[in-house]
Amino acid sequence: MTDTNPGNALRMTNIIKIETRQASLKRRLRRHLKNLGFTKSADGLLETPGSGKDVIRSLHSIQRSDRLGQNRVFIKENSADLLKHFANGRDVDPLKIRPILQRVRANTAESDLFRLAALTWSVPVSNGFGRRLRYLVWDSHVQNVPKIVAALKFAALVTTRFAQ
């Protein structure tokens, strides 16, 4: 679009509105939180759609579904073999558990077991940053064949001190 000014000179008057990245991100975040059921209180604070485990599970359901979709091939190719190592709840007597704690190292059979176990959790595991410690808890009492009864993940706080 052009416009003529009093001196008969042409000038461009197209104004292109460019969304800032920050504004776009804020809008997307607000839309996402609204879709999850969050509301804003009268004083502007964010309110959850309720409390309890079911609400937490519901809030993470989209993320969990995405994570399962991303791991569909892994689950299909490995679950039959890996599930043999998991205890059946009917076979576990909490009073007789004899736990064996095993640290999980990367790129091992145990890391595949941990990966599958973590995919069953209703709140997805964050990849996060820093050192993550993963453990499998085996019960040596179940049918005298150790079976996995738990998988644990911890974030370790690592600090570095510089000597002068």
N, C-alpha and C. Protein backbone atom coordinates (compact mmCIF):
# COMPACT_ATOMS: atom_id res chain seq x y z
N MET A 1 0.85 -1.17 0.00
CA MET A 1 0.00 0.00 0.00
C MET A 1 0.90 1.23 0.00
N THR A 2 0.51 2.20 -0.78
CA THR A 2 1.29 3.43 -0.84
C THR A 2 0.39 4.60 -0.48
N ASP A 3 1.03 5.68 -0.11
CA ASP A 3 0.28 6.88 0.26
C ASP A 3 1.06 8.06 -0.29
N THR A 4 0.33 9.08 -0.63
CA THR A 4 1.01 10.28 -1.12
C THR A 4 0.99 11.31 -0.02
N ASN A 5 2.12 11.92 0.18
CA ASN A 5 2.17 12.98 1.18
C ASN A 5 2.09 14.32 0.47
N PRO A 6 1.99 15.42 1.18
CA PRO A 6 1.81 16.72 0.53
C PRO A 6 2.90 17.06 -0.48
N GLY A 7 4.09 16.55 -0.35
CA GLY A 7 5.14 16.88 -1.31
C GLY A 7 5.15 15.96 -2.51
N ASN A 8 4.05 15.23 -2.76
CA ASN A 8 3.91 14.29 -3.86
C ASN A 8 4.93 13.17 -3.84
N ALA A 9 5.55 12.92 -2.72
CA ALA A 9 6.50 11.81 -2.62
C ALA A 9 5.72 10.57 -2.17
N LEU A 10 6.08 9.45 -2.75
CA LEU A 10 5.43 8.20 -2.36
C LEU A 10 6.17 7.61 -1.16
N ARG A 11 5.43 7.08 -0.25
CA ARG A 11 6.06 6.38 0.85
C ARG A 11 5.28 5.11 1.15
N MET A 12 5.96 4.11 1.67
CA MET A 12 5.34 2.83 1.99
C MET A 12 4.65 2.95 3.35
N THR A 13 3.42 2.48 3.40
CA THR A 13 2.69 2.54 4.68
C THR A 13 2.27 1.15 5.15
N ASN A 14 2.81 0.11 4.51
CA ASN A 14 2.50 -1.24 4.98
C ASN A 14 3.11 -1.43 6.36
N ILE A 15 2.30 -1.80 7.25
CA ILE A 15 2.79 -2.10 8.59
C ILE A 15 2.60 -3.59 8.80
N ILE A 16 3.69 -4.25 9.03
CA ILE A 16 3.64 -5.69 9.26
C ILE A 16 3.83 -5.92 10.75
N LYS A 17 2.83 -6.51 11.35
CA LYS A 17 2.92 -6.78 12.77
C LYS A 17 3.62 -8.13 12.96
N ILE A 18 4.71 -8.11 13.66
CA ILE A 18 5.46 -9.33 13.92
C ILE A 18 5.32 -9.66 15.41
N GLU A 19 4.80 -10.84 15.67
CA GLU A 19 4.67 -11.26 17.06
C GLU A 19 6.05 -11.52 17.64
N THR A 20 6.22 -11.06 18.81
CA THR A 20 7.47 -11.38 19.46
C THR A 20 7.42 -12.83 19.91
N ARG A 21 8.55 -13.42 19.97
CA ARG A 21 8.65 -14.81 20.38
C ARG A 21 8.10 -15.00 21.80
N GLN A 22 8.40 -14.05 22.65
CA GLN A 22 7.96 -14.11 24.04
C GLN A 22 6.43 -14.06 24.13
N ALA A 23 5.80 -13.17 23.39
CA ALA A 23 4.34 -13.05 23.42
C ALA A 23 3.69 -14.32 22.89
N SER A 24 4.25 -14.86 21.83
CA SER A 24 3.72 -16.09 21.26
C SER A 24 3.83 -17.25 22.25
N LEU A 25 4.96 -17.35 22.91
CA LEU A 25 5.17 -18.40 23.89
C LEU A 25 4.20 -18.27 25.06
N LYS A 26 3.98 -17.05 25.52
CA LYS A 26 3.03 -16.81 26.62
C LYS A 26 1.63 -17.25 26.22
N ARG A 27 1.20 -16.90 25.01
CA ARG A 27 -0.14 -17.27 24.54
C ARG A 27 -0.29 -18.79 24.45
N ARG A 28 0.74 -19.43 23.92
CA ARG A 28 0.70 -20.89 23.79
C ARG A 28 0.65 -21.56 25.16
N LEU A 29 1.42 -21.04 26.11
CA LEU A 29 1.42 -21.59 27.46
C LEU A 29 0.06 -21.40 28.13
N ARG A 30 -0.50 -20.21 28.01
CA ARG A 30 -1.83 -19.95 28.59
C ARG A 30 -2.89 -20.88 27.99
N ARG A 31 -2.84 -21.06 26.67
CA ARG A 31 -3.79 -21.93 25.99
C ARG A 31 -3.64 -23.38 26.49
N HIS A 32 -2.39 -23.82 26.63
CA HIS A 32 -2.12 -25.18 27.10
C HIS A 32 -2.65 -25.38 28.52
N LEU A 33 -2.36 -24.43 29.41
CA LEU A 33 -2.83 -24.54 30.79
C LEU A 33 -4.36 -24.52 30.86
N LYS A 34 -4.99 -23.71 30.03
CA LYS A 34 -6.46 -23.66 29.99
C LYS A 34 -7.02 -25.01 29.52
N ASN A 35 -6.40 -25.59 28.49
CA ASN A 35 -6.84 -26.89 27.99
C ASN A 35 -6.70 -27.98 29.05
N LEU A 36 -5.72 -27.85 29.93
CA LEU A 36 -5.53 -28.82 31.00
C LEU A 36 -6.54 -28.63 32.13
N GLY A 37 -7.22 -27.48 32.15
CA GLY A 37 -8.23 -27.25 33.17
C GLY A 37 -7.84 -26.22 34.22
N PHE A 38 -6.69 -25.62 34.08
CA PHE A 38 -6.28 -24.59 35.03
C PHE A 38 -7.15 -23.35 34.84
N THR A 39 -7.37 -22.63 35.92
CA THR A 39 -8.10 -21.38 35.86
C THR A 39 -7.30 -20.32 36.61
N LYS A 40 -7.73 -19.07 36.44
CA LYS A 40 -7.08 -17.97 37.13
C LYS A 40 -8.01 -17.51 38.25
N SER A 41 -7.45 -17.37 39.45
CA SER A 41 -8.26 -16.90 40.58
C SER A 41 -8.51 -15.40 40.44
N ALA A 42 -9.35 -14.87 41.31
CA ALA A 42 -9.67 -13.44 41.29
C ALA A 42 -8.43 -12.57 41.46
N ASP A 43 -7.46 -13.07 42.22
CA ASP A 43 -6.23 -12.29 42.42
C ASP A 43 -5.14 -12.64 41.40
N GLY A 44 -5.50 -13.39 40.35
CA GLY A 44 -4.58 -13.65 39.26
C GLY A 44 -3.68 -14.86 39.42
N LEU A 45 -3.88 -15.63 40.47
CA LEU A 45 -3.05 -16.81 40.68
C LEU A 45 -3.61 -18.00 39.90
N LEU A 46 -2.73 -18.90 39.52
CA LEU A 46 -3.12 -20.09 38.78
C LEU A 46 -3.70 -21.12 39.74
N GLU A 47 -4.86 -21.67 39.39
CA GLU A 47 -5.51 -22.67 40.23
C GLU A 47 -5.64 -23.99 39.48
N THR A 48 -5.33 -25.09 40.19
CA THR A 48 -5.45 -26.41 39.59
C THR A 48 -6.93 -26.79 39.51
N PRO A 49 -7.25 -27.72 38.61
CA PRO A 49 -8.65 -28.12 38.46
C PRO A 49 -9.14 -29.04 39.58
N GLY A 50 -8.37 -29.22 40.62
CA GLY A 50 -8.74 -30.08 41.74
C GLY A 50 -7.49 -30.56 42.44
N SER A 51 -7.65 -31.58 43.27
CA SER A 51 -6.48 -32.13 43.95
C SER A 51 -6.58 -33.64 43.96
N GLY A 52 -5.51 -34.27 44.32
CA GLY A 52 -5.50 -35.72 44.38
C GLY A 52 -4.77 -36.34 43.22
N LYS A 53 -4.54 -37.63 43.35
CA LYS A 53 -3.77 -38.38 42.35
C LYS A 53 -4.43 -38.39 40.97
N ASP A 54 -5.75 -38.49 40.94
CA ASP A 54 -6.44 -38.54 39.64
C ASP A 54 -6.24 -37.25 38.86
N VAL A 55 -6.22 -36.11 39.56
CA VAL A 55 -6.00 -34.83 38.90
C VAL A 55 -4.58 -34.77 38.35
N ILE A 56 -3.61 -35.20 39.15
CA ILE A 56 -2.21 -35.21 38.70
C ILE A 56 -2.06 -36.11 37.47
N ARG A 57 -2.66 -37.28 37.52
CA ARG A 57 -2.60 -38.19 36.36
C ARG A 57 -3.22 -37.54 35.12
N SER A 58 -4.36 -36.90 35.33
CA SER A 58 -5.05 -36.24 34.23
C SER A 58 -4.20 -35.12 33.63
N LEU A 59 -3.56 -34.34 34.48
CA LEU A 59 -2.73 -33.24 33.99
C LEU A 59 -1.57 -33.74 33.14
N HIS A 60 -1.10 -34.95 33.42
CA HIS A 60 0.05 -35.49 32.68
C HIS A 60 -0.35 -36.44 31.57
N SER A 61 -1.63 -36.65 31.35
CA SER A 61 -2.08 -37.66 30.39
C SER A 61 -1.63 -37.37 28.97
N ILE A 62 -1.63 -36.13 28.55
CA ILE A 62 -1.20 -35.79 27.19
C ILE A 62 0.29 -36.08 27.02
N GLN A 63 1.08 -35.66 28.00
CA GLN A 63 2.52 -35.91 27.95
C GLN A 63 2.80 -37.41 27.97
N ARG A 64 2.07 -38.15 28.79
CA ARG A 64 2.28 -39.60 28.88
C ARG A 64 1.93 -40.25 27.54
N SER A 65 0.83 -39.83 26.96
CA SER A 65 0.42 -40.38 25.67
C SER A 65 1.48 -40.10 24.60
N ASP A 66 2.01 -38.88 24.59
CA ASP A 66 3.08 -38.53 23.65
C ASP A 66 4.30 -39.43 23.85
N ARG A 67 4.68 -39.62 25.12
CA ARG A 67 5.86 -40.44 25.43
C ARG A 67 5.66 -41.88 24.98
N LEU A 68 4.46 -42.42 25.19
CA LEU A 68 4.18 -43.79 24.75
C LEU A 68 4.24 -43.87 23.22
N GLY A 69 3.73 -42.85 22.55
CA GLY A 69 3.79 -42.83 21.09
C GLY A 69 5.22 -42.78 20.58
N GLN A 70 6.06 -42.01 21.24
CA GLN A 70 7.47 -41.92 20.85
C GLN A 70 8.21 -43.23 21.06
N ASN A 71 7.72 -44.06 21.98
CA ASN A 71 8.38 -45.32 22.31
C ASN A 71 7.63 -46.54 21.79
N ARG A 72 6.69 -46.33 20.88
CA ARG A 72 5.86 -47.41 20.36
C ARG A 72 6.70 -48.56 19.79
N VAL A 73 7.71 -48.25 19.00
CA VAL A 73 8.54 -49.29 18.38
C VAL A 73 9.32 -50.05 19.45
N PHE A 74 9.90 -49.33 20.41
CA PHE A 74 10.64 -49.97 21.50
C PHE A 74 9.73 -50.94 22.26
N ILE A 75 8.53 -50.50 22.59
CA ILE A 75 7.60 -51.33 23.35
C ILE A 75 7.23 -52.58 22.54
N LYS A 76 6.91 -52.38 21.28
CA LYS A 76 6.50 -53.50 20.42
C LYS A 76 7.61 -54.53 20.28
N GLU A 77 8.83 -54.05 20.09
CA GLU A 77 9.95 -54.96 19.84
C GLU A 77 10.51 -55.61 21.11
N ASN A 78 10.31 -55.00 22.28
CA ASN A 78 11.00 -55.49 23.48
C ASN A 78 10.11 -55.93 24.63
N SER A 79 8.85 -55.53 24.65
CA SER A 79 8.04 -55.78 25.84
C SER A 79 7.87 -57.26 26.17
N ALA A 80 7.66 -58.11 25.18
CA ALA A 80 7.45 -59.54 25.47
C ALA A 80 8.64 -60.13 26.22
N ASP A 81 9.83 -59.79 25.79
CA ASP A 81 11.04 -60.32 26.43
C ASP A 81 11.29 -59.67 27.79
N LEU A 82 11.07 -58.37 27.89
CA LEU A 82 11.37 -57.66 29.13
C LEU A 82 10.36 -57.93 30.24
N LEU A 83 9.09 -58.11 29.89
CA LEU A 83 8.06 -58.29 30.90
C LEU A 83 8.27 -59.55 31.74
N LYS A 84 9.02 -60.51 31.25
CA LYS A 84 9.31 -61.73 32.01
C LYS A 84 10.06 -61.41 33.30
N HIS A 85 10.73 -60.27 33.35
CA HIS A 85 11.55 -59.91 34.50
C HIS A 85 10.78 -59.14 35.57
N PHE A 86 9.51 -58.82 35.30
CA PHE A 86 8.70 -58.05 36.24
C PHE A 86 7.85 -58.99 37.09
N ALA A 87 7.79 -58.68 38.38
CA ALA A 87 6.98 -59.48 39.29
C ALA A 87 5.51 -59.23 39.03
N ASN A 88 4.71 -60.26 39.15
CA ASN A 88 3.26 -60.13 39.09
C ASN A 88 2.81 -59.75 40.50
N GLY A 89 1.96 -58.76 40.61
CA GLY A 89 1.52 -58.29 41.92
C GLY A 89 0.95 -59.40 42.80
N ARG A 90 0.32 -60.41 42.21
CA ARG A 90 -0.24 -61.52 42.99
C ARG A 90 0.86 -62.37 43.63
N ASP A 91 2.07 -62.33 43.06
CA ASP A 91 3.16 -63.15 43.58
C ASP A 91 4.01 -62.44 44.62
N VAL A 92 3.72 -61.17 44.87
CA VAL A 92 4.54 -60.40 45.80
C VAL A 92 3.85 -60.32 47.16
N ASP A 93 4.57 -60.77 48.18
CA ASP A 93 4.09 -60.64 49.55
C ASP A 93 4.92 -59.54 50.20
N PRO A 94 4.33 -58.35 50.43
CA PRO A 94 5.12 -57.24 50.96
C PRO A 94 5.89 -57.56 52.23
N LEU A 95 5.37 -58.48 53.03
CA LEU A 95 6.05 -58.83 54.28
C LEU A 95 7.27 -59.72 54.05
N LYS A 96 7.36 -60.32 52.87
CA LYS A 96 8.46 -61.25 52.60
C LYS A 96 9.47 -60.73 51.57
N ILE A 97 9.29 -59.50 51.13
CA ILE A 97 10.20 -58.96 50.11
C ILE A 97 11.62 -58.94 50.64
N ARG A 98 12.53 -59.47 49.83
CA ARG A 98 13.97 -59.39 50.12
C ARG A 98 14.58 -58.58 48.97
N PRO A 99 14.64 -57.26 49.17
CA PRO A 99 15.05 -56.39 48.06
C PRO A 99 16.54 -56.47 47.74
N ILE A 100 16.80 -56.38 46.47
CA ILE A 100 18.17 -56.25 45.95
C ILE A 100 18.15 -54.98 45.10
N LEU A 101 18.99 -54.03 45.46
CA LEU A 101 19.05 -52.76 44.74
C LEU A 101 20.14 -52.85 43.68
N GLN A 102 19.78 -52.52 42.44
CA GLN A 102 20.75 -52.59 41.34
C GLN A 102 20.79 -51.25 40.62
N ARG A 103 21.98 -50.67 40.56
CA ARG A 103 22.17 -49.42 39.82
C ARG A 103 22.07 -49.73 38.33
N VAL A 104 21.38 -48.89 37.61
CA VAL A 104 21.19 -49.07 36.17
C VAL A 104 22.20 -48.21 35.42
N ARG A 105 22.96 -48.84 34.59
CA ARG A 105 23.94 -48.15 33.74
C ARG A 105 23.35 -47.98 32.34
N ALA A 106 23.85 -47.00 31.64
CA ALA A 106 23.35 -46.71 30.28
C ALA A 106 23.68 -47.84 29.32
N ASN A 107 22.81 -48.00 28.34
CA ASN A 107 23.00 -48.95 27.24
C ASN A 107 23.23 -50.39 27.70
N THR A 108 22.43 -50.82 28.66
CA THR A 108 22.50 -52.20 29.15
C THR A 108 21.10 -52.79 29.09
N ALA A 109 21.03 -54.09 29.33
CA ALA A 109 19.71 -54.74 29.40
C ALA A 109 18.88 -54.13 30.53
N GLU A 110 19.56 -53.78 31.62
CA GLU A 110 18.86 -53.17 32.75
C GLU A 110 18.29 -51.80 32.39
N SER A 111 19.00 -51.07 31.51
CA SER A 111 18.47 -49.76 31.11
C SER A 111 17.20 -49.93 30.27
N ASP A 112 17.12 -51.00 29.50
CA ASP A 112 15.89 -51.29 28.77
C ASP A 112 14.76 -51.66 29.73
N LEU A 113 15.08 -52.44 30.77
CA LEU A 113 14.07 -52.79 31.78
C LEU A 113 13.57 -51.52 32.48
N PHE A 114 14.49 -50.64 32.82
CA PHE A 114 14.10 -49.40 33.49
C PHE A 114 13.24 -48.55 32.56
N ARG A 115 13.63 -48.47 31.31
CA ARG A 115 12.88 -47.68 30.33
C ARG A 115 11.44 -48.18 30.23
N LEU A 116 11.27 -49.49 30.15
CA LEU A 116 9.92 -50.04 30.05
C LEU A 116 9.14 -49.77 31.35
N ALA A 117 9.78 -49.94 32.49
CA ALA A 117 9.11 -49.69 33.77
C ALA A 117 8.66 -48.23 33.84
N ALA A 118 9.53 -47.32 33.45
CA ALA A 118 9.21 -45.89 33.52
C ALA A 118 8.06 -45.52 32.59
N LEU A 119 7.90 -46.26 31.50
CA LEU A 119 6.80 -45.99 30.57
C LEU A 119 5.45 -46.40 31.14
N THR A 120 5.45 -47.16 32.23
CA THR A 120 4.18 -47.55 32.86
C THR A 120 3.71 -46.53 33.89
N TRP A 121 4.56 -45.61 34.27
CA TRP A 121 4.21 -44.63 35.30
C TRP A 121 3.20 -43.64 34.76
N SER A 122 2.25 -43.26 35.60
CA SER A 122 1.20 -42.33 35.15
C SER A 122 1.71 -40.90 35.02
N VAL A 123 2.79 -40.57 35.73
CA VAL A 123 3.44 -39.27 35.56
C VAL A 123 4.76 -39.53 34.86
N PRO A 124 4.90 -39.10 33.61
CA PRO A 124 6.10 -39.41 32.84
C PRO A 124 7.39 -38.92 33.48
N VAL A 125 8.44 -39.65 33.21
CA VAL A 125 9.76 -39.31 33.73
C VAL A 125 10.36 -38.22 32.87
N SER A 126 10.88 -37.20 33.51
CA SER A 126 11.55 -36.12 32.80
C SER A 126 12.98 -36.53 32.51
N ASN A 127 13.43 -36.25 31.30
CA ASN A 127 14.83 -36.53 30.98
C ASN A 127 15.74 -35.61 31.78
N GLY A 128 15.33 -34.38 31.93
CA GLY A 128 16.04 -33.44 32.80
C GLY A 128 17.49 -33.21 32.43
N PHE A 129 18.15 -32.50 33.31
CA PHE A 129 19.55 -32.17 33.11
C PHE A 129 20.34 -32.69 34.30
N GLY A 130 21.61 -32.80 34.13
CA GLY A 130 22.46 -33.23 35.24
C GLY A 130 22.50 -34.74 35.37
N ARG A 131 23.02 -35.18 36.47
CA ARG A 131 23.19 -36.61 36.71
C ARG A 131 21.89 -37.20 37.22
N ARG A 132 21.47 -38.25 36.57
CA ARG A 132 20.27 -38.97 36.98
C ARG A 132 20.69 -40.37 37.40
N LEU A 133 20.30 -40.75 38.58
CA LEU A 133 20.63 -42.08 39.08
C LEU A 133 19.39 -42.96 38.95
N ARG A 134 19.55 -44.11 38.32
CA ARG A 134 18.43 -45.01 38.12
C ARG A 134 18.73 -46.34 38.81
N TYR A 135 17.70 -46.91 39.43
CA TYR A 135 17.85 -48.17 40.14
C TYR A 135 16.67 -49.08 39.84
N LEU A 136 16.95 -50.36 39.81
CA LEU A 136 15.90 -51.37 39.79
C LEU A 136 15.90 -52.02 41.17
N VAL A 137 14.72 -52.32 41.67
CA VAL A 137 14.61 -53.05 42.93
C VAL A 137 14.06 -54.44 42.60
N TRP A 138 14.89 -55.43 42.85
CA TRP A 138 14.53 -56.81 42.58
C TRP A 138 14.09 -57.45 43.90
N ASP A 139 13.14 -58.36 43.84
CA ASP A 139 12.73 -59.12 45.02
C ASP A 139 13.24 -60.54 44.83
N SER A 140 14.18 -60.94 45.66
CA SER A 140 14.76 -62.28 45.51
C SER A 140 13.84 -63.36 46.10
N HIS A 141 12.74 -62.96 46.73
CA HIS A 141 11.83 -63.93 47.34
C HIS A 141 10.80 -64.48 46.35
N VAL A 142 10.44 -63.72 45.33
CA VAL A 142 9.38 -64.13 44.41
C VAL A 142 9.78 -65.40 43.66
N GLN A 143 9.15 -66.50 43.99
CA GLN A 143 9.36 -67.80 43.33
C GLN A 143 10.85 -68.15 43.21
N ASN A 144 11.67 -67.65 44.13
CA ASN A 144 13.11 -67.90 44.13
C ASN A 144 13.81 -67.45 42.86
N VAL A 145 13.11 -66.68 42.05
CA VAL A 145 13.71 -66.10 40.86
C VAL A 145 13.55 -64.59 41.01
N PRO A 146 14.66 -63.85 41.09
CA PRO A 146 14.53 -62.40 41.29
C PRO A 146 13.65 -61.77 40.20
N LYS A 147 12.74 -60.94 40.66
CA LYS A 147 11.84 -60.20 39.76
C LYS A 147 11.86 -58.74 40.17
N ILE A 148 11.62 -57.87 39.20
CA ILE A 148 11.59 -56.43 39.48
C ILE A 148 10.30 -56.08 40.19
N VAL A 149 10.43 -55.38 41.32
CA VAL A 149 9.24 -54.92 42.04
C VAL A 149 9.15 -53.39 42.03
N ALA A 150 10.23 -52.71 41.61
CA ALA A 150 10.20 -51.25 41.57
C ALA A 150 11.32 -50.74 40.69
N ALA A 151 11.14 -49.53 40.20
CA ALA A 151 12.18 -48.80 39.47
C ALA A 151 12.21 -47.40 40.07
N LEU A 152 13.39 -46.93 40.38
CA LEU A 152 13.54 -45.65 41.05
C LEU A 152 14.45 -44.74 40.25
N LYS A 153 14.18 -43.44 40.31
CA LYS A 153 15.03 -42.48 39.63
C LYS A 153 15.25 -41.30 40.55
N PHE A 154 16.51 -40.92 40.68
CA PHE A 154 16.88 -39.80 41.54
C PHE A 154 17.68 -38.80 40.73
N ALA A 155 17.52 -37.54 41.06
CA ALA A 155 18.36 -36.50 40.47
C ALA A 155 19.41 -36.16 41.52
N ALA A 156 20.65 -36.23 41.14
CA ALA A 156 21.72 -35.93 42.08
C ALA A 156 22.17 -34.49 41.88
N LEU A 157 22.32 -33.79 42.96
CA LEU A 157 22.82 -32.43 42.90
C LEU A 157 24.34 -32.50 42.94
N VAL A 158 24.94 -32.06 41.88
CA VAL A 158 26.39 -32.10 41.79
C VAL A 158 26.91 -30.67 41.79
N THR A 159 27.82 -30.37 42.69
CA THR A 159 28.40 -29.03 42.72
C THR A 159 29.89 -29.13 42.45
N THR A 160 30.39 -28.11 41.86
CA THR A 160 31.81 -28.04 41.57
C THR A 160 32.40 -26.86 42.33
N ARG A 161 33.47 -27.10 43.00
CA ARG A 161 34.15 -26.02 43.71
C ARG A 161 35.48 -25.77 43.00
N PHE A 162 35.75 -24.52 42.79
CA PHE A 162 36.99 -24.14 42.14
C PHE A 162 37.97 -23.68 43.20
N ALA A 163 39.10 -24.34 43.26
CA ALA A 163 40.15 -23.93 44.22
C ALA A 163 40.93 -22.80 43.60
N GLN A 164 41.24 -21.83 44.43
CA GLN A 164 42.02 -20.69 43.91
C GLN A 164 43.43 -20.76 44.39
